[in-house]
Structures are given as structure tokens and as C-alpha cells.
Amino acid sequence: MLEFCKKILEKVSFDRHLFKKELMKSIKWVKTEELEVLRRWCLIKFGNLYSQLIKDSFKKVLSA
């Protein structure tokens, strides 16, 4: 599921709204132990565009 989520996020990265929507879905779908891997990958791949959005999205999940 992690690899599928990565592909989707790459395809929608042109649009901030779509990216956020798919990121939130991805966070729900991936296994708990894969969340940190997804977070790091997102920051490396899309940090230049959506750094704060990514941090905020994962903060809600990883702090719980």
C-alpha cells in the first residue's frame, strides 16, 4: 500500500488541494509502522512545495 500511495502522491503533486486530500487518505491507509517512512519520503520528494502541509498532516497522526 505504501508504494501505491507514493505513486498517487506523485501524480497529484501539481495541485495543492489534491495533494493534501490524497496525503490524508494515504496516512489512513498505510500501516502504522510505515507512517514515518511515508513522512520522510514526502518531505524529501515534496518538501520544497508542501513542507508545512506535510508536517502539519503528520503531526496530527504521529502525536496521537
PDB file of N, CA and C in Angstrom:
ATOM      1  N   MET A   1       0.828  -1.200   0.000  1.00  0.00           N
ATOM      2  CA  MET A   1       0.000   0.000   0.000  1.00  0.00           C
ATOM      3  C   MET A   1       0.870   1.260   0.000  1.00  0.00           C
ATOM      4  N   LEU A   2       2.021   1.180   0.652  1.00  0.00           N
ATOM      5  CA  LEU A   2       2.908   2.336   0.717  1.00  0.00           C
ATOM      6  C   LEU A   2       3.346   2.765  -0.680  1.00  0.00           C
ATOM      7  N   GLU A   3       3.738   1.821  -1.492  1.00  0.00           N
ATOM      8  CA  GLU A   3       4.192   2.148  -2.848  1.00  0.00           C
ATOM      9  C   GLU A   3       3.051   2.719  -3.694  1.00  0.00           C
ATOM     10  N   PHE A   4       1.862   2.199  -3.509  1.00  0.00           N
ATOM     11  CA  PHE A   4       0.690   2.716  -4.214  1.00  0.00           C
ATOM     12  C   PHE A   4       0.440   4.176  -3.824  1.00  0.00           C
ATOM     13  N   CYS A   5       0.520   4.454  -2.535  1.00  0.00           N
ATOM     14  CA  CYS A   5       0.307   5.823  -2.051  1.00  0.00           C
ATOM     15  C   CYS A   5       1.352   6.774  -2.621  1.00  0.00           C
ATOM     16  N   LYS A   6       2.587   6.321  -2.704  1.00  0.00           N
ATOM     17  CA  LYS A   6       3.646   7.158  -3.269  1.00  0.00           C
ATOM     18  C   LYS A   6       3.344   7.512  -4.716  1.00  0.00           C
ATOM     19  N   LYS A   7       2.883   6.532  -5.485  1.00  0.00           N
ATOM     20  CA  LYS A   7       2.561   6.781  -6.897  1.00  0.00           C
ATOM     21  C   LYS A   7       1.441   7.802  -7.036  1.00  0.00           C
ATOM     22  N   ILE A   8       0.424   7.655  -6.224  1.00  0.00           N
ATOM     23  CA  ILE A   8      -0.707   8.589  -6.264  1.00  0.00           C
ATOM     24  C   ILE A   8      -0.244  10.001  -5.902  1.00  0.00           C
ATOM     25  N   LEU A   9       0.540  10.118  -4.842  1.00  0.00           N
ATOM     26  CA  LEU A   9       1.013  11.439  -4.419  1.00  0.00           C
ATOM     27  C   LEU A   9       1.874  12.090  -5.496  1.00  0.00           C
ATOM     28  N   GLU A  10       2.676  11.305  -6.185  1.00  0.00           N
ATOM     29  CA  GLU A  10       3.474  11.862  -7.280  1.00  0.00           C
ATOM     30  C   GLU A  10       2.571  12.387  -8.402  1.00  0.00           C
ATOM     31  N   LYS A  11       1.489  11.676  -8.674  1.00  0.00           N
ATOM     32  CA  LYS A  11       0.603  12.064  -9.774  1.00  0.00           C
ATOM     33  C   LYS A  11      -0.228  13.310  -9.465  1.00  0.00           C
ATOM     34  N   VAL A  12      -0.513  13.553  -8.196  1.00  0.00           N
ATOM     35  CA  VAL A  12      -1.357  14.713  -7.851  1.00  0.00           C
ATOM     36  C   VAL A  12      -0.555  15.873  -7.277  1.00  0.00           C
ATOM     37  N   SER A  13       0.752  15.774  -7.292  1.00  0.00           N
ATOM     38  CA  SER A  13       1.589  16.790  -6.652  1.00  0.00           C
ATOM     39  C   SER A  13       1.512  18.164  -7.331  1.00  0.00           C
ATOM     40  N   PHE A  14       0.931  18.233  -8.508  1.00  0.00           N
ATOM     41  CA  PHE A  14       0.799  19.512  -9.213  1.00  0.00           C
ATOM     42  C   PHE A  14      -0.260  20.418  -8.584  1.00  0.00           C
ATOM     43  N   ASP A  15      -1.149  19.841  -7.768  1.00  0.00           N
ATOM     44  CA  ASP A  15      -2.266  20.592  -7.196  1.00  0.00           C
ATOM     45  C   ASP A  15      -2.266  20.462  -5.675  1.00  0.00           C
ATOM     46  N   ARG A  16      -2.148  21.566  -4.980  1.00  0.00           N
ATOM     47  CA  ARG A  16      -2.056  21.562  -3.512  1.00  0.00           C
ATOM     48  C   ARG A  16      -3.271  20.890  -2.858  1.00  0.00           C
ATOM     49  N   HIS A  17      -4.448  21.211  -3.329  1.00  0.00           N
ATOM     50  CA  HIS A  17      -5.673  20.656  -2.743  1.00  0.00           C
ATOM     51  C   HIS A  17      -5.728  19.139  -2.923  1.00  0.00           C
ATOM     52  N   LEU A  18      -5.454  18.671  -4.127  1.00  0.00           N
ATOM     53  CA  LEU A  18      -5.459  17.234  -4.394  1.00  0.00           C
ATOM     54  C   LEU A  18      -4.374  16.524  -3.589  1.00  0.00           C
ATOM     55  N   PHE A  19      -3.207  17.147  -3.508  1.00  0.00           N
ATOM     56  CA  PHE A  19      -2.107  16.552  -2.763  1.00  0.00           C
ATOM     57  C   PHE A  19      -2.492  16.362  -1.304  1.00  0.00           C
ATOM     58  N   LYS A  20      -3.089  17.387  -0.704  1.00  0.00           N
ATOM     59  CA  LYS A  20      -3.494  17.293   0.700  1.00  0.00           C
ATOM     60  C   LYS A  20      -4.542  16.201   0.888  1.00  0.00           C
ATOM     61  N   LYS A  21      -5.501  16.157  -0.006  1.00  0.00           N
ATOM     62  CA  LYS A  21      -6.568  15.159   0.070  1.00  0.00           C
ATOM     63  C   LYS A  21      -5.986  13.738  -0.006  1.00  0.00           C
ATOM     64  N   GLU A  22      -5.106  13.513  -0.961  1.00  0.00           N
ATOM     65  CA  GLU A  22      -4.511  12.188  -1.129  1.00  0.00           C
ATOM     66  C   GLU A  22      -3.524  11.864  -0.013  1.00  0.00           C
ATOM     67  N   LEU A  23      -2.845  12.858   0.508  1.00  0.00           N
ATOM     68  CA  LEU A  23      -1.944  12.627   1.627  1.00  0.00           C
ATOM     69  C   LEU A  23      -2.731  12.161   2.851  1.00  0.00           C
ATOM     70  N   MET A  24      -3.852  12.789   3.112  1.00  0.00           N
ATOM     71  CA  MET A  24      -4.676  12.393   4.258  1.00  0.00           C
ATOM     72  C   MET A  24      -5.194  10.964   4.084  1.00  0.00           C
ATOM     73  N   LYS A  25      -5.582  10.607   2.869  1.00  0.00           N
ATOM     74  CA  LYS A  25      -6.010   9.229   2.595  1.00  0.00           C
ATOM     75  C   LYS A  25      -4.856   8.266   2.819  1.00  0.00           C
ATOM     76  N   SER A  26      -3.699   8.636   2.327  1.00  0.00           N
ATOM     77  CA  SER A  26      -2.523   7.774   2.446  1.00  0.00           C
ATOM     78  C   SER A  26      -2.162   7.537   3.903  1.00  0.00           C
ATOM     79  N   ILE A  27      -2.259   8.567   4.706  1.00  0.00           N
ATOM     80  CA  ILE A  27      -1.948   8.441   6.125  1.00  0.00           C
ATOM     81  C   ILE A  27      -2.897   7.441   6.791  1.00  0.00           C
ATOM     82  N   LYS A  28      -4.133   7.430   6.370  1.00  0.00           N
ATOM     83  CA  LYS A  28      -5.106   6.485   6.930  1.00  0.00           C
ATOM     84  C   LYS A  28      -4.854   5.062   6.435  1.00  0.00           C
ATOM     85  N   TRP A  29      -4.398   4.912   5.193  1.00  0.00           N
ATOM     86  CA  TRP A  29      -4.267   3.600   4.566  1.00  0.00           C
ATOM     87  C   TRP A  29      -3.004   2.847   4.947  1.00  0.00           C
ATOM     88  N   VAL A  30      -1.893   3.542   5.092  1.00  0.00           N
ATOM     89  CA  VAL A  30      -0.643   2.820   5.346  1.00  0.00           C
ATOM     90  C   VAL A  30      -0.608   2.281   6.771  1.00  0.00           C
ATOM     91  N   LYS A  31       0.188   1.247   6.951  1.00  0.00           N
ATOM     92  CA  LYS A  31       0.342   0.654   8.271  1.00  0.00           C
ATOM     93  C   LYS A  31       1.025   1.654   9.197  1.00  0.00           C
ATOM     94  N   THR A  32       0.746   1.530  10.472  1.00  0.00           N
ATOM     95  CA  THR A  32       1.306   2.437  11.469  1.00  0.00           C
ATOM     96  C   THR A  32       2.827   2.482  11.389  1.00  0.00           C
ATOM     97  N   GLU A  33       3.451   1.326  11.196  1.00  0.00           N
ATOM     98  CA  GLU A  33       4.914   1.282  11.148  1.00  0.00           C
ATOM     99  C   GLU A  33       5.483   1.902   9.870  1.00  0.00           C
ATOM    100  N   GLU A  34       4.648   2.168   8.882  1.00  0.00           N
ATOM    101  CA  GLU A  34       5.104   2.785   7.635  1.00  0.00           C
ATOM    102  C   GLU A  34       4.898   4.304   7.611  1.00  0.00           C
ATOM    103  N   LEU A  35       4.240   4.840   8.618  1.00  0.00           N
ATOM    104  CA  LEU A  35       3.946   6.272   8.635  1.00  0.00           C
ATOM    105  C   LEU A  35       5.213   7.131   8.595  1.00  0.00           C
ATOM    106  N   GLU A  36       6.195   6.766   9.377  1.00  0.00           N
ATOM    107  CA  GLU A  36       7.433   7.545   9.417  1.00  0.00           C
ATOM    108  C   GLU A  36       8.168   7.480   8.081  1.00  0.00           C
ATOM    109  N   VAL A  37       8.129   6.326   7.439  1.00  0.00           N
ATOM    110  CA  VAL A  37       8.753   6.170   6.121  1.00  0.00           C
ATOM    111  C   VAL A  37       8.054   7.078   5.109  1.00  0.00           C
ATOM    112  N   LEU A  38       6.734   7.086   5.135  1.00  0.00           N
ATOM    113  CA  LEU A  38       5.964   7.938   4.233  1.00  0.00           C
ATOM    114  C   LEU A  38       6.244   9.414   4.510  1.00  0.00           C
ATOM    115  N   ARG A  39       6.304   9.784   5.770  1.00  0.00           N
ATOM    116  CA  ARG A  39       6.569  11.179   6.142  1.00  0.00           C
ATOM    117  C   ARG A  39       7.932  11.637   5.604  1.00  0.00           C
ATOM    118  N   ARG A  40       8.948  10.825   5.828  1.00  0.00           N
ATOM    119  CA  ARG A  40      10.292  11.191   5.353  1.00  0.00           C
ATOM    120  C   ARG A  40      10.332  11.278   3.835  1.00  0.00           C
ATOM    121  N   TRP A  41       9.701  10.327   3.170  1.00  0.00           N
ATOM    122  CA  TRP A  41       9.678  10.321   1.704  1.00  0.00           C
ATOM    123  C   TRP A  41       8.978  11.581   1.183  1.00  0.00           C
ATOM    124  N   CYS A  42       7.852  11.935   1.780  1.00  0.00           N
ATOM    125  CA  CYS A  42       7.109  13.136   1.362  1.00  0.00           C
ATOM    126  C   CYS A  42       7.954  14.393   1.536  1.00  0.00           C
ATOM    127  N   LEU A  43       8.643  14.491   2.651  1.00  0.00           N
ATOM    128  CA  LEU A  43       9.461  15.683   2.894  1.00  0.00           C
ATOM    129  C   LEU A  43      10.622  15.773   1.909  1.00  0.00           C
ATOM    130  N   ILE A  44      11.221  14.641   1.591  1.00  0.00           N
ATOM    131  CA  ILE A  44      12.326  14.641   0.622  1.00  0.00           C
ATOM    132  C   ILE A  44      11.809  14.973  -0.773  1.00  0.00           C
ATOM    133  N   LYS A  45      10.718  14.333  -1.158  1.00  0.00           N
ATOM    134  CA  LYS A  45      10.200  14.460  -2.526  1.00  0.00           C
ATOM    135  C   LYS A  45       9.457  15.788  -2.755  1.00  0.00           C
ATOM    136  N   PHE A  46       8.662  16.221  -1.784  1.00  0.00           N
ATOM    137  CA  PHE A  46       7.785  17.378  -1.981  1.00  0.00           C
ATOM    138  C   PHE A  46       7.989  18.490  -0.961  1.00  0.00           C
ATOM    139  N   GLY A  47       9.020  18.386  -0.156  1.00  0.00           N
ATOM    140  CA  GLY A  47       9.274  19.372   0.891  1.00  0.00           C
ATOM    141  C   GLY A  47       9.447  20.782   0.367  1.00  0.00           C
ATOM    142  N   ASN A  48       9.990  20.903  -0.843  1.00  0.00           N
ATOM    143  CA  ASN A  48      10.188  22.239  -1.416  1.00  0.00           C
ATOM    144  C   ASN A  48       8.857  22.907  -1.760  1.00  0.00           C
ATOM    145  N   LEU A  49       7.811  22.124  -1.996  1.00  0.00           N
ATOM    146  CA  LEU A  49       6.494  22.673  -2.337  1.00  0.00           C
ATOM    147  C   LEU A  49       5.542  22.718  -1.141  1.00  0.00           C
ATOM    148  N   TYR A  50       5.509  21.625  -0.392  1.00  0.00           N
ATOM    149  CA  TYR A  50       4.458  21.435   0.609  1.00  0.00           C
ATOM    150  C   TYR A  50       4.993  21.091   1.994  1.00  0.00           C
ATOM    151  N   SER A  51       6.126  21.617   2.361  1.00  0.00           N
ATOM    152  CA  SER A  51       6.761  21.270   3.624  1.00  0.00           C
ATOM    153  C   SER A  51       5.825  21.427   4.816  1.00  0.00           C
ATOM    154  N   GLN A  52       5.222  22.589   4.968  1.00  0.00           N
ATOM    155  CA  GLN A  52       4.365  22.836   6.133  1.00  0.00           C
ATOM    156  C   GLN A  52       3.112  21.976   6.099  1.00  0.00           C
ATOM    157  N   LEU A  53       2.530  21.790   4.945  1.00  0.00           N
ATOM    158  CA  LEU A  53       1.349  20.949   4.801  1.00  0.00           C
ATOM    159  C   LEU A  53       1.666  19.517   5.249  1.00  0.00           C
ATOM    160  N   ILE A  54       2.810  18.998   4.833  1.00  0.00           N
ATOM    161  CA  ILE A  54       3.219  17.638   5.190  1.00  0.00           C
ATOM    162  C   ILE A  54       3.448  17.529   6.695  1.00  0.00           C
ATOM    163  N   LYS A  55       4.181  18.471   7.246  1.00  0.00           N
ATOM    164  CA  LYS A  55       4.463  18.450   8.687  1.00  0.00           C
ATOM    165  C   LYS A  55       3.178  18.508   9.502  1.00  0.00           C
ATOM    166  N   ASP A  56       2.269  19.396   9.125  1.00  0.00           N
ATOM    167  CA  ASP A  56       1.001  19.524   9.842  1.00  0.00           C
ATOM    168  C   ASP A  56       0.163  18.256   9.739  1.00  0.00           C
ATOM    169  N   SER A  57       0.121  17.654   8.578  1.00  0.00           N
ATOM    170  CA  SER A  57      -0.676  16.452   8.363  1.00  0.00           C
ATOM    171  C   SER A  57      -0.170  15.286   9.223  1.00  0.00           C
ATOM    172  N   PHE A  58       1.128  15.123   9.279  1.00  0.00           N
ATOM    173  CA  PHE A  58       1.683  14.028  10.057  1.00  0.00           C
ATOM    174  C   PHE A  58       1.710  14.316  11.550  1.00  0.00           C
ATOM    175  N   LYS A  59       1.780  15.588  11.924  1.00  0.00           N
ATOM    176  CA  LYS A  59       1.814  15.958  13.328  1.00  0.00           C
ATOM    177  C   LYS A  59       0.558  15.462  14.027  1.00  0.00           C
ATOM    178  N   LYS A  60      -0.572  15.596  13.353  1.00  0.00           N
ATOM    179  CA  LYS A  60      -1.852  15.174  13.928  1.00  0.00           C
ATOM    180  C   LYS A  60      -1.854  13.681  14.220  1.00  0.00           C
ATOM    181  N   VAL A  61      -1.239  12.909  13.336  1.00  0.00           N
ATOM    182  CA  VAL A  61      -1.277  11.451  13.453  1.00  0.00           C
ATOM    183  C   VAL A  61      -0.175  10.912  14.360  1.00  0.00           C
ATOM    184  N   LEU A  62       1.030  11.409  14.188  1.00  0.00           N
ATOM    185  CA  LEU A  62       2.167  10.873  14.925  1.00  0.00           C
ATOM    186  C   LEU A  62       2.186  11.302  16.384  1.00  0.00           C
ATOM    187  N   SER A  63       1.511  12.384  16.713  1.00  0.00           N
ATOM    188  CA  SER A  63       1.487  12.850  18.099  1.00  0.00           C
ATOM    189  C   SER A  63       0.391  12.160  18.918  1.00  0.00           C
ATOM    190  N   ALA A  64      -0.529  11.517  18.225  1.00  0.00           N
ATOM    191  CA  ALA A  64      -1.657  10.866  18.923  1.00  0.00           C
ATOM    192  C   ALA A  64      -1.248   9.572  19.593  1.00  0.00           C
TER     193      ALA A  64
END
